[in-house]
Amino acid sequence: MIYVFLTNGVEEMEAVAPIDLLRRAGVELQTVGLSGKTVTGSHQIPMLCDTTASEIDPQDCTGLILPGGPGHIALAQSPIVQDLVKRVAKREGLLAAICAAPSIFGQLGLLRGKQACCYPGFEDQLFGAKVLYKPVVIHDNIITSRGAGTATQFALALVTYLAGPKKSAEIARQIQCS
């Protein structure tokens, strides 16, 4: 199961683009509310989550996606998120983050020797990473992206990783990206 963690202050575009395109691709995922089933994004858009952090089964998680925005601070401080990131990293499952959220991987030491990108100004928190200034960076099982303006590219990279390039190209055509 792929978990997309949402919390108050999440950047809506960075959350919705991956959720939407992965569901179009048939990828099994659940949205997870960090502090309840309803969260309010950074632009006051309420979002209803499939489940809550206290209800998930960490053994069931094959990958996770962390959107950014001001809510990334709550994600970084969450023992549940930290534990799950470490578990997924140990299993070499998908670790994906956009905007400021790649800093969570950096703070946990998971980016040493890896290439990554993030929202401008957070580069110093990608400890040990080779920072690139591309819209999306894929290094092994870690996918990072820069921000709301790259959310669709990030989502298509996730579709490619989880469902294959053919499905990604099909969805890109459907949404007029190609």
Protein backbone atom coordinates (compact mmCIF):
# COMPACT_ATOMS: atom_id res chain seq x y z
CA MET A 1 0.00 0.00 0.00
CA ILE A 2 1.21 3.49 -0.86
CA TYR A 3 0.39 6.06 1.82
CA VAL A 4 0.08 9.77 1.04
CA PHE A 5 0.38 11.69 4.29
CA LEU A 6 -1.72 14.83 4.64
CA THR A 7 -1.76 17.34 7.46
CA ASN A 8 -3.05 20.81 8.13
CA GLY A 9 -1.06 23.25 6.03
CA VAL A 10 -0.33 20.78 3.22
CA GLU A 11 0.18 22.38 -0.19
CA GLU A 12 -2.96 21.20 -1.96
CA MET A 13 -1.54 20.89 -5.49
CA GLU A 14 1.38 18.80 -4.24
CA ALA A 15 -1.05 16.38 -2.58
CA VAL A 16 -3.85 16.21 -5.14
CA ALA A 17 -1.76 15.80 -8.31
CA PRO A 18 -0.07 12.57 -7.14
CA ILE A 19 -3.28 11.20 -5.63
CA ASP A 20 -5.27 11.90 -8.78
CA LEU A 21 -2.76 10.57 -11.31
CA LEU A 22 -1.86 7.48 -9.27
CA ARG A 23 -5.53 6.59 -8.90
CA ARG A 24 -6.00 7.05 -12.66
CA ALA A 25 -3.11 4.60 -13.07
CA GLY A 26 -4.79 2.05 -10.81
CA VAL A 27 -2.16 2.28 -8.07
CA GLU A 28 -3.48 1.22 -4.68
CA LEU A 29 -3.00 4.11 -2.27
CA GLN A 30 -4.58 5.63 0.78
CA THR A 31 -4.56 9.21 1.95
CA VAL A 32 -3.58 9.39 5.60
CA GLY A 33 -4.58 12.26 7.86
CA LEU A 34 -1.88 12.93 10.41
CA SER A 35 -4.23 14.36 13.02
CA GLY A 36 -7.65 13.24 11.82
CA LYS A 37 -9.67 12.35 8.76
CA THR A 38 -10.11 15.95 7.63
CA VAL A 39 -7.21 18.29 7.03
CA THR A 40 -7.17 21.86 5.81
CA GLY A 41 -4.59 22.77 3.21
CA SER A 42 -2.39 25.84 3.15
CA HIS A 43 -4.98 27.64 1.00
CA GLN A 44 -7.90 26.72 3.24
CA ILE A 45 -9.15 23.83 1.10
CA PRO A 46 -10.50 21.02 3.29
CA MET A 47 -9.56 17.48 2.30
CA LEU A 48 -11.12 14.24 3.51
CA CYS A 49 -8.58 11.45 4.06
CA ASP A 50 -9.17 7.73 3.60
CA THR A 51 -7.75 6.91 7.03
CA THR A 52 -5.75 8.36 9.90
CA ALA A 53 -2.16 7.83 10.95
CA SER A 54 -3.25 5.92 14.05
CA GLU A 55 -5.25 3.45 11.90
CA ILE A 56 -2.60 2.42 9.37
CA ASP A 57 -0.63 -0.82 9.42
CA PRO A 58 3.09 -0.01 9.02
CA GLN A 59 3.76 -3.56 7.78
CA ASP A 60 1.37 -2.92 4.87
CA CYS A 61 3.29 0.11 3.58
CA THR A 62 5.34 -0.34 0.42
CA GLY A 63 5.87 3.35 -0.18
CA LEU A 64 4.96 6.81 0.97
CA ILE A 65 4.48 10.24 -0.48
CA LEU A 66 5.02 13.41 1.52
CA PRO A 67 3.62 16.66 0.10
CA GLY A 68 5.13 19.94 1.21
CA GLY A 69 3.80 23.30 2.28
CA PRO A 70 3.81 24.62 5.84
CA GLY A 71 2.39 21.25 6.95
CA HIS A 72 5.74 19.58 6.29
CA ILE A 73 6.84 20.66 9.78
CA ALA A 74 4.14 18.51 11.40
CA LEU A 75 5.17 15.60 9.18
CA ALA A 76 8.83 16.04 10.15
CA GLN A 77 7.94 16.10 13.86
CA SER A 78 5.62 13.09 13.74
CA PRO A 79 7.05 9.92 15.32
CA ILE A 80 4.64 7.91 13.13
CA VAL A 81 5.96 9.49 9.93
CA GLN A 82 9.59 9.21 11.05
CA ASP A 83 9.16 5.53 11.93
CA LEU A 84 7.38 4.74 8.67
CA VAL A 85 9.99 6.57 6.57
CA LYS A 86 12.73 4.52 8.25
CA ARG A 87 10.81 1.25 7.75
CA VAL A 88 10.17 1.94 4.07
CA ALA A 89 13.79 3.01 3.54
CA LYS A 90 15.03 -0.23 5.12
CA ARG A 91 12.81 -2.22 2.73
CA GLU A 92 13.90 -0.02 -0.20
CA GLY A 93 10.31 0.97 -0.86
CA LEU A 94 9.25 4.17 -2.57
CA LEU A 95 10.13 7.36 -0.72
CA ALA A 96 8.70 10.41 -2.47
CA ALA A 97 8.56 14.02 -1.31
CA ILE A 98 7.99 17.41 -2.87
CA CYS A 99 8.69 21.04 -1.93
CA ALA A 100 10.07 21.29 1.63
CA ALA A 101 9.24 17.66 2.48
CA PRO A 102 12.48 16.18 1.02
CA SER A 103 14.13 17.83 4.04
CA ILE A 104 12.51 15.08 6.15
CA PHE A 105 14.54 12.47 4.28
CA GLY A 106 17.63 14.63 4.68
CA GLN A 107 17.12 15.02 8.43
CA LEU A 108 16.84 11.24 8.75
CA GLY A 109 20.12 10.75 6.87
CA LEU A 110 18.51 9.03 3.90
CA LEU A 111 19.91 11.32 1.21
CA ARG A 112 23.64 10.77 1.81
CA GLY A 113 25.22 10.05 -1.55
CA LYS A 114 21.91 10.50 -3.38
CA GLN A 115 20.72 13.13 -5.84
CA ALA A 116 17.71 15.16 -4.74
CA CYS A 117 15.90 18.45 -5.17
CA CYS A 118 13.58 20.57 -3.04
CA TYR A 119 11.92 23.95 -2.71
CA PRO A 120 14.50 26.76 -2.92
CA GLY A 121 15.92 27.58 0.50
CA PHE A 122 15.73 24.03 1.89
CA GLU A 123 18.84 22.73 0.12
CA ASP A 124 20.92 22.89 3.31
CA GLN A 125 18.54 20.38 4.91
CA LEU A 126 19.20 17.69 2.28
CA PHE A 127 22.18 16.50 4.33
CA GLY A 128 24.72 14.63 2.22
CA ALA A 129 22.74 14.88 -1.01
CA LYS A 130 23.95 16.13 -4.33
CA VAL A 131 21.39 18.89 -4.85
CA LEU A 132 20.06 19.26 -8.37
CA TYR A 133 17.85 22.06 -9.65
CA LYS A 134 15.62 19.94 -11.85
CA PRO A 135 11.81 19.77 -11.52
CA VAL A 136 11.97 16.10 -10.45
CA VAL A 137 14.91 13.96 -9.37
CA ILE A 138 14.78 10.17 -9.23
CA HIS A 139 17.59 8.33 -7.45
CA ASP A 140 16.95 4.64 -6.88
CA ASN A 141 13.79 4.44 -4.74
CA ILE A 142 13.74 8.14 -3.82
CA ILE A 143 11.78 10.67 -5.87
CA THR A 144 11.95 14.36 -5.00
CA SER A 145 10.47 17.46 -6.60
CA ARG A 146 10.65 21.23 -6.20
CA GLY A 147 7.14 22.54 -5.52
CA ALA A 148 3.56 23.18 -6.57
CA GLY A 149 4.60 24.16 -10.11
CA THR A 150 6.24 20.74 -10.59
CA ALA A 151 3.44 18.71 -9.00
CA THR A 152 2.19 17.21 -12.27
CA GLN A 153 5.71 16.23 -13.34
CA PHE A 154 6.24 14.72 -9.88
CA ALA A 155 2.96 12.80 -10.16
CA LEU A 156 3.84 11.45 -13.61
CA ALA A 157 7.26 10.34 -12.31
CA LEU A 158 5.45 8.45 -9.56
CA VAL A 159 3.14 6.83 -12.12
CA THR A 160 6.17 5.81 -14.18
CA TYR A 161 7.87 4.33 -11.10
CA LEU A 162 4.79 2.46 -9.84
CA ALA A 163 2.84 1.62 -13.02
CA GLY A 164 5.38 1.89 -15.84
CA PRO A 165 6.25 4.36 -18.60
CA LYS A 166 3.43 3.22 -20.91
CA LYS A 167 0.78 4.04 -18.28
CA SER A 168 2.50 7.34 -17.50
CA ALA A 169 2.50 8.34 -21.19
CA GLU A 170 -1.17 7.36 -21.47
CA ILE A 171 -2.13 9.52 -18.50
CA ALA A 172 0.03 12.41 -19.73
CA ARG A 173 -1.93 12.32 -22.99
CA GLN A 174 -5.26 12.19 -21.12
CA ILE A 175 -4.43 15.29 -19.11
CA GLN A 176 -2.89 17.11 -22.09
CA CYS A 177 0.73 17.02 -20.90
CA SER A 178 1.97 15.59 -24.17
